[in-house]
Amino acid sequence: MGNAGLTSPRVLLNSQLQLHFKRANVSLEVTEIVSGWFADGAPLGLTLETFRQVLGLKEQADRFFREFDTDGNQKVDAFEVFSAYAVISAGTVDEKCELLFPIFDFAGNDRLNFDEINIMIHSICRGVSKVCKTGSVDDNDVVEVCQRLFDSHNLPYHKDITKEQVRRWLRSDMEASSLFDIFHNSLAVPDAEAALAEREGIQAAVFSQLSSSLSASAVPPQELLRSQHFRQSLGQPSDEACQKLVKFMGSGSPIEPDVFARVVRAWNVFGVVDSATEGELDMKELPNLLLFQNRTSPTDKDAIKDFQSRVRLNAQGRLTRNAWIEAVLSS
């Protein structure tokens, strides 16, 4: 798979199928769907009608079915459908492993052999590729990934691997975890934009209320810091984080509304893109950050490189929220 996971930002989701999958909960809706599929005999090839019934779809069934039926043979691979559904849906990595493992455990012994792992990874790659419109993965790359999984536990390829070993590998193998994260923590664009609009609306109202109470267009920094509503709109960060944020808005002088709006948007955008709430991001997420900050997708590679050159990374080579805001203000 090369270094795709190490260089590609998290997938942005916009289509109806993508959003349908993303908004489902893996431990609730997706698990219930897969349980129903098992109860029906676990058919591997789904016709349009069985696809409709298994997924509980109505008017979207035909459109969603065509997304998977790329060869036009009027059947889709159940493994691809459920693999994509599980990986993209909301939930933890452990919850997704819990759902996927039994689908490919053909012997029913709570372990997977090399061939079963190969089928699972192939199905995940093909499924998310069809849903997210990403590039296809070479068969040899998939075999290499399977070998790395077994090698990481010093297991011969004729042995079986446990669910816990797969989980540990996903946490420890940098390329595998980074590639999985592209889809696992993908971003639903309409939901992200709605969240940004809601937060900015609340923050604008807080600023307006403070400026009205002071009969001034600008608000002194200490008034913002004293405002509990302002802190709540930010997600209740620490005192240190609040003070640093307000300092970005000015060096002690009253804060103008346009400066306030620009800084809090940068704060909010980082929070939306940092969907895993790690507090820092890999630099590969810069295009997504710029898209939400500027409300348009960055198309000029030189402009991205120029912005990147002004970003200060931490000791781990990652982008912190403060470094992102600082770079936005200097652009």
Foldseek 3Di string as FASTA:
>chain_A
DPQCLVQAAAFEDEDPLLVVLAADALVPLLLVLVVVCVVVVNDQKDALVNQCVSNVHDPCSVVNQCLQVVVPPRIGGPLLQSLLSLLQYDDDPLSSLVRNQVSLPVVPPQWAALVSQLVNVQSNQSNNCSNRVDDHDDSVVSSVVSVVLCVVVPHDRGDIGHSVSVVVCCVPPVSNVSNSCSRNVHAHVVVLLVLLVVLLVQLLVVLVVQCVVVVHQFAFLVVLLPDPSNCVSLVNDDSVVSVLLSVQQDPGDTGHPVSVSLSVQLSSLVCRSPSVPPQWAALSCQQSSCCSSVVHGDDDVVVSVVLVVQADADPVRIGGSSSSSVSSVVD
